[in-house]
Amino acid sequence: MRAVLLLIVVLLALVAAFAVQNPGVIDVRFLHLSGNTSLLVIIVLAFGIGVLVGFLGGVPSSFRRARRIRELSAEIDSLRKPPGAPPPPVNP
C-alpha cells in the first residue's frame, strides 16, 4: 500500500513539474469551439481525464467482485447454520 502511495506521489510530482515547465499560452480548438489557454491547464486537464477514465474502467470489475463476495458470504453463513435449520431466503 505504501509503495502504491509513493508511486502516485512521484507520478503527480512528475506531472506537476512538466506542467510548470510548460507555461506558454496556446490556441485550443475543439469542434467549432476555440480559445486561448495555458498549456499548464491543458496538461493538468488531460491528466485528470486520463485518471478518471482509468478509474471508470475498473468500476464494473469492482461491482462484480462485490457481488461475488456477497454470494460467498451468504454461502458461508448457510454452511454455518445447524443441520436442522431451514435454509435462508434467496434474494434475486
Protein backbone atom coordinates (compact mmCIF):
# COMPACT_ATOMS: atom_id res chain seq x y z
CA MET A 1 0.00 0.00 0.00
CA ARG A 2 2.79 2.39 0.85
CA ALA A 3 4.54 1.57 -2.42
CA VAL A 4 1.41 2.46 -4.40
CA LEU A 5 1.03 5.70 -2.48
CA LEU A 6 4.68 6.55 -3.11
CA LEU A 7 4.25 5.78 -6.81
CA ILE A 8 1.20 8.07 -7.01
CA VAL A 9 3.08 10.90 -5.29
CA VAL A 10 6.06 10.53 -7.64
CA LEU A 11 3.78 10.45 -10.69
CA LEU A 12 1.90 13.56 -9.55
CA ALA A 13 5.21 15.34 -8.90
CA LEU A 14 6.42 14.49 -12.42
CA VAL A 15 3.20 15.75 -14.00
CA ALA A 16 3.33 18.93 -11.92
CA ALA A 17 6.99 19.54 -12.85
CA PHE A 18 6.21 19.00 -16.54
CA ALA A 19 3.20 21.32 -16.39
CA VAL A 20 5.07 24.10 -14.58
CA GLN A 21 7.93 23.97 -17.09
CA ASN A 22 5.47 24.48 -19.99
CA PRO A 23 3.57 27.65 -19.06
CA GLY A 24 3.04 29.01 -22.58
CA VAL A 25 -0.30 30.15 -23.96
CA ILE A 26 -1.67 28.04 -26.83
CA ASP A 27 -4.68 28.08 -29.14
CA VAL A 28 -7.11 25.27 -28.39
CA ARG A 29 -9.76 24.14 -30.88
CA PHE A 30 -12.45 21.53 -30.31
CA LEU A 31 -15.16 21.03 -32.91
CA HIS A 32 -16.43 24.59 -33.53
CA LEU A 33 -15.09 25.99 -30.26
CA SER A 34 -11.74 27.70 -29.92
CA GLY A 35 -9.85 29.76 -27.39
CA ASN A 36 -6.53 30.60 -25.82
CA THR A 37 -5.40 28.90 -22.64
CA SER A 38 -2.26 27.96 -20.79
CA LEU A 39 -0.54 24.73 -21.71
CA LEU A 40 -0.36 24.03 -17.99
CA VAL A 41 -4.17 23.88 -17.84
CA ILE A 42 -4.32 21.51 -20.81
CA ILE A 43 -1.69 19.19 -19.31
CA VAL A 44 -3.39 19.00 -15.92
CA LEU A 45 -6.84 18.61 -17.50
CA ALA A 46 -5.65 15.80 -19.80
CA PHE A 47 -4.00 14.02 -16.88
CA GLY A 48 -7.16 14.33 -14.79
CA ILE A 49 -9.34 12.98 -17.60
CA GLY A 50 -6.93 10.07 -18.04
CA VAL A 51 -7.12 9.23 -14.35
CA LEU A 52 -10.94 9.43 -14.45
CA VAL A 53 -11.17 7.16 -17.50
CA GLY A 54 -8.81 4.67 -15.87
CA PHE A 55 -10.87 4.70 -12.69
CA LEU A 56 -14.15 4.24 -14.56
CA GLY A 57 -12.66 1.30 -16.44
CA GLY A 58 -12.26 -0.57 -13.15
CA VAL A 59 -15.76 0.09 -11.82
CA PRO A 60 -17.52 -2.89 -13.48
CA SER A 61 -14.99 -5.38 -12.09
CA SER A 62 -15.39 -3.83 -8.63
CA PHE A 63 -19.15 -4.40 -8.80
CA ARG A 64 -18.66 -8.00 -9.94
CA ARG A 65 -16.17 -8.61 -7.14
CA ALA A 66 -18.51 -7.13 -4.51
CA ARG A 67 -21.41 -9.28 -5.77
CA ARG A 68 -19.24 -12.40 -5.64
CA ILE A 69 -18.15 -11.56 -2.08
CA ARG A 70 -21.80 -11.22 -1.02
CA GLU A 71 -22.62 -14.57 -2.64
CA LEU A 72 -19.74 -16.33 -0.92
CA SER A 73 -20.57 -14.72 2.44
CA ALA A 74 -24.16 -15.94 2.14
CA GLU A 75 -22.89 -19.42 1.30
CA ILE A 76 -20.58 -19.43 4.33
CA ASP A 77 -23.44 -18.27 6.57
CA SER A 78 -25.69 -21.04 5.26
CA LEU A 79 -22.98 -23.65 5.90
CA ARG A 80 -22.55 -22.45 9.49
CA LYS A 81 -26.24 -23.00 10.35
CA PRO A 82 -27.13 -26.19 12.26
CA PRO A 83 -28.28 -29.11 10.06
CA GLY A 84 -31.93 -28.88 11.16
CA ALA A 85 -32.30 -25.14 10.49
CA PRO A 86 -34.37 -24.02 7.50
CA PRO A 87 -32.39 -22.62 4.53
CA PRO A 88 -32.05 -18.85 4.31
CA PRO A 89 -34.34 -16.97 1.89
CA VAL A 90 -32.86 -16.36 -1.55
CA ASN A 91 -32.85 -12.75 -2.77
CA PRO A 92 -32.96 -12.40 -6.57
